[in-house]
């Protein structure tokens, strides 16, 4: 055995080899930790990484004010124009709505600067403020990755449900926004209702989703009221947010989505204002320009929402994406995407807004080496920058076209490492206790194995992967040369086989099926 392996430390703890062998010791160490000693948790405070200098921030801010006051946004619905002009925006002869710097500043003063995204189970509530970091899923992938067949197939409603059930078991995936589209449902109203049902049946964490048309919120809200136990209970703890692409970059309102947004606000649903320009296509090719446009669009949306309902829970969703300018294809796993997302996080903190962006997407088609470096590098940058909501951080492949259940398990390990980086290094008297050095170097064996500090910090200072392999080559051979994707597949199957009832009790599920056109087989 390697004297520096965790097993060697464990052996020192008792002074002799424990009965049951290595596997028994691993089971003990892999048992769930008490929350107070877990090395990572939702809401760790980031912000250590700042890609923009104070001068950069100031120049981008001034460009944002210019975009809003001089260019403005077009194609707002009549209702939106009424709300925004009543708040102080101006409608030009060219049909564009423009916003003064003073209107932006007044809106920021009254907007929600911190908010709680509720979950059906309160232990999963997300508290968004400052630079607290949360990782989760999102997207509208139209394919599911079949790792065994090394191919893609269309995504179905059952896949959304299965993904939610897996996320429920992943400690480092903190929320579940619908990551794919149920291609087996043609009716758009049925699609919205059943997507909600599948998400909520699968997980009790906070759920995000979108709606096709404003009218479709009526049956969806009826479903949510039934689940919550009435409209009052829903409004007290809204556990679903609306992901709303309210703009069509560059600088145009998306009329139908704006009407959905209005309906969601009236229904008491938190709103993610999502600006998803693509640098070099629907946003400037310059990273600084793409940041400025995304912030301008989101601030216009913030004025819109706060004109309707001052202080409404709103997430500023600056989601500019990157193009491979040689081909025009999206490159969500690129270093530029990581920079763009981190800089957006910095600007959102500058304005004091709860915000989210996409990071952790892979251009890779399968959970392979390319997937690993693309996801890890971009997801950790977003976390270190202190982004409140890191969307599409798990499971996503093929530049948002494919979603992989096995990657949820693999990415959970990856996000654990990202969160450990976000947590940083604790420099305290306890951590630098000189008596520890004295015990080892002057009075002890010359190593820290078995020392009380080592044993006390083994779980709280360090994080250990669930499926990733850290064995020596000799142990790896003894274990049958495990393959990461196969390990993840086995984990997925175990979760899906054991979680057969989902998060609804039988009476509630029967009530929902009687009242709504639920298409997921019971």
Protein backbone atom coordinates (compact mmCIF):
# COMPACT_ATOMS: atom_id res chain seq x y z
CA UNK A 1 0.00 0.00 0.00
CA UNK A 2 1.19 3.53 -0.79
CA UNK A 3 2.08 5.19 2.54
CA UNK A 4 0.57 8.44 1.27
CA UNK A 5 -2.81 6.98 0.27
CA UNK A 6 -6.00 7.77 2.21
CA UNK A 7 -5.99 4.13 3.33
CA UNK A 8 -2.69 4.70 5.06
CA UNK A 9 -4.19 7.63 6.93
CA UNK A 10 -7.19 5.53 7.86
CA UNK A 11 -4.90 2.77 9.11
CA UNK A 12 -3.14 5.19 11.41
CA UNK A 13 -6.42 6.22 12.96
CA UNK A 14 -6.97 2.92 14.70
CA UNK A 15 -3.34 1.82 14.88
CA UNK A 16 -4.07 -1.44 13.06
CA UNK A 17 -5.74 -2.69 9.87
CA UNK A 18 -9.48 -2.70 10.30
CA UNK A 19 -11.42 -5.85 9.69
CA UNK A 20 -13.29 -5.97 6.43
CA UNK A 21 -10.44 -4.79 4.23
CA UNK A 22 -10.13 -1.81 1.96
CA UNK A 23 -13.70 -1.91 0.64
CA UNK A 24 -15.13 -1.73 4.16
CA UNK A 25 -12.95 1.27 4.99
CA UNK A 26 -14.01 2.98 1.77
CA UNK A 27 -17.68 2.42 2.66
CA UNK A 28 -17.18 4.08 6.04
CA UNK A 29 -15.46 7.09 4.47
CA UNK A 30 -18.02 7.39 1.69
CA UNK A 31 -20.96 7.55 4.12
CA UNK A 32 -22.89 10.85 3.92
CA UNK A 33 -21.27 13.64 5.92
CA UNK A 34 -23.04 15.85 8.40
CA UNK A 35 -23.80 19.19 6.78
CA UNK A 36 -21.59 21.13 9.17
CA UNK A 37 -18.45 19.30 8.02
CA UNK A 38 -19.15 18.97 4.30
CA UNK A 39 -16.31 20.59 2.34
CA UNK A 40 -18.67 22.19 -0.21
CA UNK A 41 -22.30 23.27 -0.23
CA UNK A 42 -24.67 25.48 -2.25
CA UNK A 43 -24.10 29.20 -1.96
CA UNK A 44 -20.34 29.26 -1.42
CA UNK A 45 -19.05 32.79 -1.91
CA UNK A 46 -16.99 33.32 -5.05
CA UNK A 47 -15.69 36.51 -6.63
CA UNK A 48 -11.97 35.75 -6.36
CA UNK A 49 -11.61 35.92 -10.15
CA UNK A 50 -12.07 39.33 -11.78
CA UNK A 51 -11.35 39.35 -15.52
CA UNK A 52 -12.19 43.06 -15.79
CA UNK A 53 -10.23 45.94 -14.26
CA UNK A 54 -12.14 48.78 -12.55
CA UNK A 55 -11.50 50.88 -15.66
CA UNK A 56 -12.91 48.10 -17.86
CA UNK A 57 -16.05 47.93 -15.74
CA UNK A 58 -16.54 51.69 -15.97
CA UNK A 59 -16.12 51.76 -19.76
CA UNK A 60 -18.56 48.87 -20.26
CA UNK A 61 -21.06 50.53 -17.93
CA UNK A 62 -20.97 53.76 -19.93
CA UNK A 63 -21.48 51.81 -23.17
CA UNK A 64 -24.52 50.11 -21.61
CA UNK A 65 -26.06 53.48 -20.77
CA UNK A 66 -25.37 54.69 -24.32
CA UNK A 67 -26.98 51.60 -25.85
CA UNK A 68 -30.12 52.05 -23.77
CA UNK A 69 -30.48 55.81 -24.21
CA UNK A 70 -29.34 56.23 -27.81
CA UNK A 71 -30.34 52.96 -29.53
CA UNK A 72 -32.95 51.38 -27.26
CA UNK A 73 -34.95 48.25 -28.04
CA UNK A 74 -37.57 47.62 -30.71
CA UNK A 75 -40.64 45.40 -31.09
CA UNK A 76 -42.04 45.62 -27.57
CA UNK A 77 -45.69 44.55 -27.25
CA UNK A 78 -48.21 47.33 -26.69
CA UNK A 79 -48.65 46.28 -23.08
CA UNK A 80 -44.91 46.44 -22.51
CA UNK A 81 -44.66 49.88 -24.08
CA UNK A 82 -47.37 51.08 -21.72
CA UNK A 83 -45.62 49.67 -18.65
CA UNK A 84 -42.18 51.02 -19.61
CA UNK A 85 -43.25 54.48 -20.74
CA UNK A 86 -45.30 54.86 -17.58
CA UNK A 87 -42.08 54.17 -15.66
CA UNK A 88 -40.22 56.87 -17.61
CA UNK A 89 -38.99 55.24 -20.82
CA UNK A 90 -39.59 57.04 -24.11
CA UNK A 91 -41.06 55.68 -27.33
CA UNK A 92 -39.44 57.11 -30.45
CA UNK A 93 -40.98 57.69 -33.85
CA UNK A 94 -38.95 54.68 -35.02
CA UNK A 95 -40.84 52.41 -32.58
CA UNK A 96 -37.82 51.89 -30.33
CA UNK A 97 -38.13 52.22 -26.55
CA UNK A 98 -35.26 54.13 -24.98
CA UNK A 99 -34.15 54.35 -21.36
CA UNK A 100 -32.27 57.17 -19.64
CA UNK A 101 -29.43 56.51 -17.23
CA UNK A 102 -31.51 57.97 -14.42
CA UNK A 103 -34.34 55.50 -15.16
CA UNK A 104 -31.87 52.61 -15.05
CA UNK A 105 -30.46 53.85 -11.74
CA UNK A 106 -33.93 54.36 -10.24
CA UNK A 107 -34.92 50.84 -11.29
CA UNK A 108 -31.76 49.36 -9.80
CA UNK A 109 -32.48 51.17 -6.53
CA UNK A 110 -35.88 49.50 -6.25
CA UNK A 111 -35.08 46.09 -7.73
CA UNK A 112 -34.64 42.98 -5.63
CA UNK A 113 -30.94 42.82 -4.76
CA UNK A 114 -31.22 39.46 -3.04
CA UNK A 115 -33.84 36.78 -3.38
CA UNK A 116 -34.65 33.22 -2.47
CA UNK A 117 -35.48 30.69 -5.13
CA UNK A 118 -37.69 28.31 -3.23
CA UNK A 119 -37.76 24.55 -3.61
CA UNK A 120 -40.58 22.19 -2.75
CA UNK A 121 -38.25 20.86 -0.07
CA UNK A 122 -36.97 23.89 1.88
CA UNK A 123 -33.56 22.30 2.44
CA UNK A 124 -32.87 22.99 -1.26
CA UNK A 125 -33.83 26.69 -1.19
CA UNK A 126 -31.29 28.84 -3.04
CA UNK A 127 -30.32 32.20 -1.55
CA UNK A 128 -29.14 34.55 -4.28
CA UNK A 129 -27.12 37.56 -3.20
CA UNK A 130 -23.67 38.98 -3.68
CA UNK A 131 -21.38 36.33 -5.14
CA UNK A 132 -23.02 33.18 -3.78
CA UNK A 133 -22.60 30.35 -6.30
CA UNK A 134 -25.06 27.65 -7.37
CA UNK A 135 -24.65 25.14 -10.20
CA UNK A 136 -27.46 23.50 -12.12
CA UNK A 137 -28.88 22.32 -15.43
CA UNK A 138 -30.70 24.15 -18.21
CA UNK A 139 -31.16 24.11 -21.96
CA UNK A 140 -33.41 22.91 -24.73
CA UNK A 141 -31.46 19.97 -26.12
CA UNK A 142 -33.35 17.99 -28.73
CA UNK A 143 -31.28 14.83 -28.40
CA UNK A 144 -30.25 12.44 -25.66
CA UNK A 145 -26.76 10.97 -25.71
CA UNK A 146 -26.73 7.18 -25.92
CA UNK A 147 -23.28 6.39 -24.53
CA UNK A 148 -23.60 2.64 -25.00
CA UNK A 149 -24.57 2.97 -28.67
CA UNK A 150 -22.23 5.94 -29.15
CA UNK A 151 -25.02 7.83 -30.91
CA UNK A 152 -27.80 10.36 -30.43
CA UNK A 153 -31.58 9.92 -30.36
CA UNK A 154 -34.49 12.31 -29.90
CA UNK A 155 -35.19 13.36 -26.31
CA UNK A 156 -38.53 12.35 -24.77
CA UNK A 157 -40.61 13.29 -21.74
CA UNK A 158 -39.29 10.26 -19.88
CA UNK A 159 -35.74 11.55 -20.32
CA UNK A 160 -36.65 14.82 -18.58
CA UNK A 161 -38.13 12.86 -15.68
CA UNK A 162 -35.09 10.58 -15.49
CA UNK A 163 -32.72 13.55 -15.54
CA UNK A 164 -34.66 15.16 -12.67
CA UNK A 165 -34.47 11.95 -10.63
CA UNK A 166 -30.71 11.81 -11.11
CA UNK A 167 -30.23 15.48 -10.20
CA UNK A 168 -32.18 14.85 -7.00
CA UNK A 169 -29.33 12.55 -5.92
CA UNK A 170 -26.45 14.82 -7.02
CA UNK A 171 -25.23 17.01 -4.14
CA UNK A 172 -23.29 19.43 -6.34
CA UNK A 173 -26.14 20.09 -8.80
CA UNK A 174 -28.25 22.54 -6.86
CA UNK A 175 -31.25 23.17 -9.12
CA UNK A 176 -32.99 21.59 -12.09
CA UNK A 177 -33.93 23.75 -15.02
CA UNK A 178 -35.47 21.78 -17.86
CA UNK A 179 -32.45 20.68 -19.93
CA UNK A 180 -34.15 19.21 -23.00
CA UNK A 181 -37.35 19.21 -25.01
CA UNK A 182 -39.86 16.34 -25.02
CA UNK A 183 -39.90 15.63 -28.74
CA UNK A 184 -42.61 12.99 -28.29
CA UNK A 185 -45.27 15.63 -27.45
CA UNK A 186 -46.67 17.63 -30.36
CA UNK A 187 -49.26 19.82 -28.65
CA UNK A 188 -47.39 22.83 -27.20
CA UNK A 189 -49.77 23.30 -24.26
CA UNK A 190 -49.46 19.63 -23.31
CA UNK A 191 -45.70 20.02 -23.70
CA UNK A 192 -45.55 22.87 -21.17
CA UNK A 193 -47.75 21.14 -18.58
CA UNK A 194 -46.07 17.77 -18.91
CA UNK A 195 -42.57 19.23 -18.79
CA UNK A 196 -43.50 20.87 -15.48
CA UNK A 197 -44.99 17.64 -14.18
CA UNK A 198 -41.95 15.54 -15.16
CA UNK A 199 -39.52 18.00 -13.58
CA UNK A 200 -41.43 18.28 -10.30
CA UNK A 201 -42.19 14.58 -10.05
CA UNK A 202 -38.48 13.90 -10.44
CA UNK A 203 -36.95 16.39 -8.02
CA UNK A 204 -37.85 18.49 -5.00
CA UNK A 205 -35.10 21.02 -5.82
CA UNK A 206 -35.92 24.35 -7.44
CA UNK A 207 -37.18 23.91 -11.00
CA UNK A 208 -36.91 26.26 -13.97
CA UNK A 209 -38.86 25.95 -17.20
CA UNK A 210 -40.19 27.96 -20.13
CA UNK A 211 -43.65 28.36 -21.65
CA UNK A 212 -44.59 28.46 -25.30
CA UNK A 213 -47.42 31.00 -25.12
CA UNK A 214 -48.89 33.22 -22.42
CA UNK A 215 -52.25 31.40 -22.52
CA UNK A 216 -50.53 28.13 -21.66
CA UNK A 217 -49.64 29.45 -18.23
CA UNK A 218 -53.26 28.99 -17.14
CA UNK A 219 -53.22 25.16 -17.06
CA UNK A 220 -49.59 25.17 -15.88
CA UNK A 221 -50.44 27.45 -12.95
CA UNK A 222 -53.41 25.24 -12.09
CA UNK A 223 -50.97 22.32 -11.89
CA UNK A 224 -48.60 24.30 -9.68
CA UNK A 225 -51.43 25.38 -7.36
CA UNK A 226 -52.53 21.76 -7.03
CA UNK A 227 -48.98 20.71 -6.13
CA UNK A 228 -48.47 23.61 -3.71
CA UNK A 229 -51.82 23.14 -1.97
CA UNK A 230 -53.50 26.27 -3.31
CA UNK A 231 -52.64 29.60 -4.89
CA UNK A 232 -51.77 31.27 -1.58
CA UNK A 233 -49.31 28.53 -0.73
CA UNK A 234 -47.78 28.83 -4.19
CA UNK A 235 -47.36 32.59 -3.93
CA UNK A 236 -45.78 32.24 -0.49
CA UNK A 237 -43.14 29.82 -1.81
CA UNK A 238 -42.98 29.78 -5.64
CA UNK A 239 -40.79 26.76 -6.38
CA UNK A 240 -40.63 27.16 -10.17
CA UNK A 241 -39.06 30.02 -12.14
CA UNK A 242 -39.75 31.04 -15.72
CA UNK A 243 -36.75 31.01 -18.03
CA UNK A 244 -37.74 33.72 -20.47
CA UNK A 245 -35.96 34.69 -23.71
CA UNK A 246 -37.63 38.11 -23.69
CA UNK A 247 -35.22 39.55 -26.26
CA UNK A 248 -34.11 38.55 -29.73
CA UNK A 249 -30.61 40.02 -29.93
CA UNK A 250 -29.51 42.47 -31.05
CA UNK A 251 -31.66 44.87 -29.01
CA UNK A 252 -35.14 43.67 -29.96
CA UNK A 253 -37.89 42.52 -27.65
CA UNK A 254 -39.34 39.07 -28.38
CA UNK A 255 -43.01 39.98 -28.45
CA UNK A 256 -44.56 36.59 -27.62
CA UNK A 257 -42.00 35.84 -24.90
CA UNK A 258 -42.65 39.25 -23.34
CA UNK A 259 -46.34 38.34 -23.04
CA UNK A 260 -45.33 35.07 -21.35
CA UNK A 261 -43.13 37.09 -19.00
CA UNK A 262 -46.01 39.38 -18.12
CA UNK A 263 -48.23 36.38 -17.35
CA UNK A 264 -45.51 34.82 -15.19
CA UNK A 265 -45.04 38.04 -13.20
CA UNK A 266 -48.79 38.31 -12.60
CA UNK A 267 -48.80 34.68 -11.46
CA UNK A 268 -46.12 35.36 -8.83
CA UNK A 269 -43.44 33.34 -10.59
CA UNK A 270 -39.77 34.39 -10.41
CA UNK A 271 -38.42 35.30 -13.83
CA UNK A 272 -35.04 34.65 -15.43
CA UNK A 273 -34.53 37.45 -17.96
CA UNK A 274 -32.49 35.67 -20.58
CA UNK A 275 -30.41 37.48 -23.19
CA UNK A 276 -28.68 34.89 -25.39
CA UNK A 277 -26.81 36.70 -28.13
CA UNK A 278 -24.09 34.86 -30.04
CA UNK A 279 -20.84 36.77 -30.36
CA UNK A 280 -20.05 37.47 -33.98
CA UNK A 281 -23.62 36.77 -35.09
CA UNK A 282 -26.36 38.34 -32.95
CA UNK A 283 -23.91 40.08 -30.61
CA UNK A 284 -20.65 41.91 -31.33
CA UNK A 285 -17.60 39.75 -32.01
CA UNK A 286 -15.67 41.66 -29.36
CA UNK A 287 -16.10 40.05 -25.96
CA UNK A 288 -16.43 43.48 -24.32
CA UNK A 289 -19.15 44.44 -26.82
CA UNK A 290 -21.06 41.20 -26.25
CA UNK A 291 -20.99 41.87 -22.51
CA UNK A 292 -22.28 45.42 -22.95
CA UNK A 293 -25.14 44.34 -25.22
CA UNK A 294 -26.22 41.50 -22.89
CA UNK A 295 -26.27 43.80 -19.86
CA UNK A 296 -28.16 46.49 -21.76
CA UNK A 297 -30.82 44.02 -22.87
CA UNK A 298 -31.21 42.55 -19.39
CA UNK A 299 -31.45 45.98 -17.77
CA UNK A 300 -34.22 46.87 -20.22
CA UNK A 301 -36.03 43.71 -19.14
CA UNK A 302 -35.49 44.63 -15.50
CA UNK A 303 -37.16 48.00 -16.09
CA UNK A 304 -40.03 46.20 -17.83
CA UNK A 305 -40.61 43.77 -14.96
CA UNK A 306 -40.21 46.34 -12.18
CA UNK A 307 -42.61 48.69 -13.98
CA UNK A 308 -45.18 45.89 -13.67
CA UNK A 309 -44.29 44.72 -10.16
CA UNK A 310 -41.64 46.66 -8.21
CA UNK A 311 -39.12 44.34 -6.54
CA UNK A 312 -40.39 41.24 -8.33
CA UNK A 313 -37.95 38.29 -7.91
CA UNK A 314 -35.87 38.54 -11.08
CA UNK A 315 -32.65 36.88 -12.17
CA UNK A 316 -30.54 38.88 -14.62
CA UNK A 317 -29.70 36.27 -17.23
CA UNK A 318 -26.73 37.46 -19.24
CA UNK A 319 -26.21 34.44 -21.49
CA UNK A 320 -24.09 35.63 -24.44
CA UNK A 321 -22.61 32.68 -26.31
CA UNK A 322 -19.49 32.33 -28.43
CA UNK A 323 -19.17 31.42 -32.10
CA UNK A 324 -16.33 29.66 -33.84
CA UNK A 325 -15.92 32.48 -36.33
CA UNK A 326 -14.40 30.16 -38.92
CA UNK A 327 -17.67 28.26 -39.29
CA UNK A 328 -20.32 30.22 -37.36
CA UNK A 329 -20.94 27.21 -35.12
CA UNK A 330 -21.48 27.76 -31.43
CA UNK A 331 -18.50 26.97 -29.20
CA UNK A 332 -19.91 26.77 -25.69
CA UNK A 333 -16.90 24.88 -24.35
CA UNK A 334 -14.35 27.48 -25.43
CA UNK A 335 -12.06 29.55 -23.25
CA UNK A 336 -13.74 32.65 -24.63
CA UNK A 337 -17.07 31.39 -23.27
CA UNK A 338 -15.51 31.06 -19.84
CA UNK A 339 -14.15 34.61 -20.02
CA UNK A 340 -17.44 36.00 -21.27
CA UNK A 341 -19.45 34.34 -18.51
CA UNK A 342 -17.04 35.38 -15.77
CA UNK A 343 -17.03 38.98 -16.97
CA UNK A 344 -20.84 39.02 -17.06
CA UNK A 345 -20.81 37.80 -13.45
CA UNK A 346 -18.50 40.67 -12.52
CA UNK A 347 -20.75 43.22 -14.20
CA UNK A 348 -23.85 41.82 -12.52
CA UNK A 349 -22.16 42.18 -9.14
CA UNK A 350 -21.17 45.72 -10.07
CA UNK A 351 -24.86 46.52 -10.57
CA UNK A 352 -25.79 44.52 -7.45
CA UNK A 353 -28.12 42.15 -9.28
CA UNK A 354 -28.82 38.46 -8.67
CA UNK A 355 -27.72 36.89 -11.93
CA UNK A 356 -27.07 33.80 -13.93
CA UNK A 357 -25.35 32.73 -17.11
CA UNK A 358 -24.47 29.57 -18.98
CA UNK A 359 -21.15 27.83 -18.34
CA UNK A 360 -20.07 24.20 -18.30
CA UNK A 361 -21.44 23.33 -21.74
CA UNK A 362 -19.37 21.02 -23.93
CA UNK A 363 -18.97 21.07 -27.66
CA UNK A 364 -17.86 17.44 -27.28
CA UNK A 365 -20.49 14.94 -28.38
CA UNK A 366 -19.69 12.33 -25.72
CA UNK A 367 -18.45 12.40 -22.11
CA UNK A 368 -14.80 12.16 -23.09
CA UNK A 369 -11.54 14.05 -22.52
CA UNK A 370 -12.69 17.03 -24.59
CA UNK A 371 -15.89 17.19 -22.56
CA UNK A 372 -13.91 17.15 -19.34
CA UNK A 373 -11.59 20.01 -20.13
CA UNK A 374 -14.31 22.13 -21.72
CA UNK A 375 -16.72 21.75 -18.83
CA UNK A 376 -14.19 21.97 -16.03
CA UNK A 377 -12.40 25.06 -17.29
CA UNK A 378 -15.54 27.09 -18.00
CA UNK A 379 -17.53 25.98 -14.95
CA UNK A 380 -14.75 26.82 -12.50
CA UNK A 381 -14.28 30.28 -14.05
CA UNK A 382 -17.97 31.04 -13.54
CA UNK A 383 -17.80 29.85 -9.94
CA UNK A 384 -14.61 31.74 -9.12
CA UNK A 385 -16.20 34.87 -10.58
CA UNK A 386 -19.10 34.48 -8.12
CA UNK A 387 -21.93 33.87 -10.58
CA UNK A 388 -25.11 33.23 -8.56
CA UNK A 389 -26.69 30.74 -10.97
CA UNK A 390 -24.45 28.75 -13.29
CA UNK A 391 -26.87 27.27 -15.81
CA UNK A 392 -26.19 24.37 -18.21
CA UNK A 393 -23.32 23.33 -15.93
CA UNK A 394 -24.10 19.61 -16.01
CA UNK A 395 -25.04 17.08 -18.65
CA UNK A 396 -24.90 19.29 -21.73
CA UNK A 397 -23.10 18.29 -24.95
CA UNK A 398 -22.90 19.14 -28.65
CA UNK A 399 -23.14 22.89 -28.12
CA UNK A 400 -26.56 22.54 -26.40
CA UNK A 401 -28.00 20.00 -28.85
CA UNK A 402 -27.43 16.85 -26.77
CA UNK A 403 -27.97 15.93 -23.13
CA UNK A 404 -26.34 13.00 -21.34
CA UNK A 405 -27.67 11.32 -18.19
CA UNK A 406 -24.31 9.71 -17.45
CA UNK A 407 -22.67 13.14 -17.63
CA UNK A 408 -24.87 14.31 -14.76
CA UNK A 409 -23.04 11.82 -12.55
CA UNK A 410 -19.59 12.64 -13.96
CA UNK A 411 -20.23 16.39 -13.87
CA UNK A 412 -21.37 16.15 -10.25
CA UNK A 413 -17.80 15.12 -9.40
CA UNK A 414 -16.43 17.91 -11.60
CA UNK A 415 -18.67 20.52 -9.95
CA UNK A 416 -17.55 19.32 -6.54
CA UNK A 417 -14.01 20.23 -7.53
CA UNK A 418 -15.19 23.58 -8.89
CA UNK A 419 -16.98 24.34 -5.62
CA UNK A 420 -13.87 23.43 -3.65
CA UNK A 421 -11.96 25.99 -5.71
CA UNK A 422 -14.70 28.55 -5.04
CA UNK A 423 -14.48 27.93 -1.31
CA UNK A 424 -10.78 28.77 -1.39
CA UNK A 425 -8.23 28.46 1.40
CA UNK A 426 -9.02 29.12 5.03
CA UNK A 427 -6.12 30.85 6.78
CA UNK A 428 -6.86 30.71 10.52
CA UNK A 429 -4.97 30.17 13.75
CA UNK A 430 -6.24 26.60 13.77
CA UNK A 431 -5.02 25.90 10.25
CA UNK A 432 -1.58 27.34 11.05
CA UNK A 433 -1.26 25.92 14.57
CA UNK A 434 2.49 25.78 15.22
CA UNK A 435 1.99 22.95 17.71
CA UNK A 436 1.08 20.65 14.82
CA UNK A 437 4.47 21.27 13.20
CA UNK A 438 6.14 20.79 16.61
CA UNK A 439 4.32 17.50 17.23
CA UNK A 440 5.50 16.09 13.90
CA UNK A 441 8.95 17.58 13.43
CA UNK A 442 10.29 17.68 16.99
CA UNK A 443 8.33 15.16 19.00
CA UNK A 444 6.79 12.84 16.45
CA UNK A 445 7.36 10.47 13.55
CA UNK A 446 8.29 13.07 10.91
CA UNK A 447 5.04 12.80 8.98
CA UNK A 448 1.47 13.99 9.44
CA UNK A 449 -0.24 10.65 8.83
CA UNK A 450 -2.42 9.83 11.78
CA UNK A 451 -2.05 13.23 13.42
CA UNK A 452 -5.25 14.46 15.02
CA UNK A 453 -5.35 17.52 12.74
CA UNK A 454 -5.02 15.37 9.63
CA UNK A 455 -7.84 13.14 10.76
CA UNK A 456 -10.06 16.02 11.81
CA UNK A 457 -9.63 17.80 8.46
CA UNK A 458 -9.77 14.74 6.25
CA UNK A 459 -13.44 15.22 5.38
CA UNK A 460 -14.01 18.93 5.99
CA UNK A 461 -10.97 20.31 4.12
CA UNK A 462 -10.95 17.89 1.19
CA UNK A 463 -13.56 16.69 -1.28
CA UNK A 464 -13.57 13.19 -2.76
CA UNK A 465 -15.14 12.17 -6.08
CA UNK A 466 -17.97 9.65 -6.18
CA UNK A 467 -17.14 7.91 -9.47
CA UNK A 468 -13.84 9.35 -10.70
CA UNK A 469 -10.81 7.11 -10.29
CA UNK A 470 -7.89 7.98 -8.01
CA UNK A 471 -6.46 4.50 -7.54
CA UNK A 472 -2.86 3.58 -8.20
CA UNK A 473 -2.16 1.58 -11.39
CA UNK A 474 -1.88 -1.58 -9.25
CA UNK A 475 -5.21 -0.95 -7.51
CA UNK A 476 -6.78 0.00 -10.84
CA UNK A 477 -5.85 -3.40 -12.24
CA UNK A 478 -7.15 -5.16 -9.12
CA UNK A 479 -10.45 -3.29 -9.51
CA UNK A 480 -10.85 -4.56 -13.06
CA UNK A 481 -9.64 -1.38 -14.81
CA UNK A 482 -12.83 0.63 -14.24
CA UNK A 483 -13.96 2.97 -17.01
CA UNK A 484 -15.48 6.27 -15.89
CA UNK A 485 -18.43 6.30 -18.29
CA UNK A 486 -19.31 2.71 -17.37
CA UNK A 487 -19.19 3.59 -13.67
CA UNK A 488 -21.50 6.53 -14.34
CA UNK A 489 -23.89 4.33 -16.34
CA UNK A 490 -24.13 1.89 -13.46
CA UNK A 491 -24.84 4.76 -11.08
CA UNK A 492 -27.58 6.09 -13.38
CA UNK A 493 -29.25 2.68 -13.59
CA UNK A 494 -29.09 2.23 -9.82
CA UNK A 495 -30.79 5.60 -9.23
CA UNK A 496 -33.52 5.01 -11.79
CA UNK A 497 -34.24 1.48 -10.55
CA UNK A 498 -34.42 2.51 -6.89
CA UNK A 499 -36.36 5.75 -7.34
CA UNK A 500 -39.54 4.34 -8.83
CA UNK A 501 -42.16 6.66 -7.27
CA UNK A 502 -40.60 10.09 -7.72
CA UNK A 503 -41.34 13.01 -5.43
CA UNK A 504 -45.18 12.89 -5.42
CA UNK A 505 -47.12 10.75 -2.99
CA UNK A 506 -49.76 8.46 -4.50
CA UNK A 507 -52.75 10.63 -3.55
CA UNK A 508 -51.26 13.80 -5.04
CA UNK A 509 -50.17 11.98 -8.16
CA UNK A 510 -53.67 10.56 -8.63
CA UNK A 511 -55.15 14.06 -8.14
CA UNK A 512 -52.81 15.56 -10.74
CA UNK A 513 -53.51 12.82 -13.26
CA UNK A 514 -57.26 13.24 -12.80
CA UNK A 515 -57.12 17.02 -13.28
CA UNK A 516 -54.53 17.33 -16.06
CA UNK A 517 -53.60 15.57 -19.28
CA UNK A 518 -50.50 13.87 -17.89
CA UNK A 519 -48.69 11.85 -20.54
CA UNK A 520 -45.86 10.37 -18.49
CA UNK A 521 -46.74 6.71 -17.77
CA UNK A 522 -47.40 6.08 -14.09
